[in-house]
Protein backbone atom coordinates (compact mmCIF):
# COMPACT_ATOMS: atom_id res chain seq x y z
CA MET A 1 21.42 13.24 69.73
CA GLU A 2 23.13 11.49 72.68
CA VAL A 3 21.12 8.05 72.04
CA ALA A 4 21.36 8.69 69.13
CA GLY A 5 25.08 8.38 68.57
CA LYS A 6 24.72 5.45 70.58
CA ILE A 7 22.24 4.08 68.43
CA ALA A 8 24.64 4.48 65.54
CA ILE A 9 27.02 2.49 66.76
CA ILE A 10 24.74 -0.73 65.52
CA PRO A 11 26.78 -2.14 62.83
CA ASP A 12 25.64 -0.34 59.23
CA VAL A 13 23.86 1.73 60.64
CA SER A 14 24.36 6.18 60.23
CA LEU A 15 23.94 8.55 62.81
CA ASP A 16 23.78 10.62 59.01
CA HIS A 17 21.24 7.35 58.05
CA LEU A 18 18.91 7.85 60.86
CA VAL A 19 18.29 11.10 61.54
CA ASN A 20 17.98 11.70 57.42
CA ASP A 21 17.02 9.20 56.15
CA SER A 22 19.30 8.51 53.81
CA SER A 23 19.88 6.00 51.61
CA PHE A 24 23.11 5.76 51.44
CA VAL A 25 25.45 3.94 54.42
CA VAL A 26 28.88 4.12 53.82
CA LYS A 27 29.88 0.64 55.47
CA ASP A 28 33.33 0.75 55.19
CA LYS A 29 35.32 3.13 57.71
CA LYS A 30 38.26 3.27 55.83
CA ILE A 31 35.94 5.07 53.10
CA LEU A 32 34.32 7.33 54.94
CA HIS A 33 37.85 8.36 57.25
CA ARG A 34 38.38 9.28 53.27
CA LEU A 35 35.60 11.32 52.64
CA GLU A 36 35.97 13.44 56.07
CA LEU A 37 39.32 13.95 55.21
CA LEU A 38 37.87 15.38 52.02
CA GLU A 39 35.76 17.81 53.48
CA LYS A 40 38.58 19.31 55.01
CA PHE A 41 40.38 20.53 51.90
CA ASP A 42 39.51 23.56 49.84
CA ASP A 43 37.65 23.66 46.81
CA ASP A 44 40.01 23.81 44.34
CA ASP A 45 42.18 20.85 46.40
CA ARG A 46 38.72 19.36 46.46
CA LYS A 47 37.60 19.52 42.88
CA THR A 48 40.79 18.13 41.20
CA ILE A 49 40.60 15.10 43.82
CA LEU A 50 37.58 14.20 42.60
CA LYS A 51 38.00 15.17 39.37
CA VAL A 52 41.12 11.56 39.32
CA VAL A 53 38.76 9.97 41.75
CA ASP A 54 36.29 10.54 38.94
CA ASN A 55 38.31 9.88 36.40
CA TYR A 56 39.49 6.26 38.10
CA LEU A 57 35.49 5.06 38.68
CA ALA A 58 34.63 5.69 34.55
CA THR A 59 37.29 3.87 33.95
CA ALA A 60 37.16 0.91 36.11
CA LEU A 61 33.35 1.11 35.19
CA LEU A 62 34.30 0.94 31.73
CA GLN A 63 36.35 -1.86 31.76
CA THR A 64 34.08 -3.87 34.17
CA THR A 65 31.31 -3.15 31.37
CA HIS A 66 33.62 -4.32 27.88
CA LYS A 67 34.83 -7.86 30.20
CA LYS A 68 30.87 -8.50 30.44
CA LEU A 69 30.18 -7.46 26.97
CA LYS A 70 33.08 -9.98 25.85
CA GLN A 71 32.14 -12.71 28.75
CA LYS A 72 28.47 -12.04 26.76
CA ALA A 73 29.78 -12.67 23.00
CA ASP A 74 31.90 -15.36 23.81
CA LEU A 75 29.03 -16.89 25.32
CA HIS A 76 26.75 -16.37 22.07
CA LYS A 77 29.81 -17.72 19.92
CA THR A 78 30.06 -21.22 22.19
CA ARG A 79 26.12 -21.73 21.79
CA LYS A 80 25.56 -21.44 17.98
CA PRO A 81 25.63 -24.59 15.93
CA HIS A 82 28.04 -24.69 13.96
């Protein structure tokens, strides 16, 4: 495990990725730190925090999707001959 820990120092490669062949790598150390802190909360608090985060993510995703659809609609309006 010590050798694997040294290899995990390579940028963008986590020990979990090397050991478990994970398809997802947390590249942002601040996000990884927050996930580690989240694991320390009891189940009820963790569920509450995740519900709040899920709501923010869902809202952001909807806003992004709405913006893309609006841009497509605007693009189609400008392409139609009058």
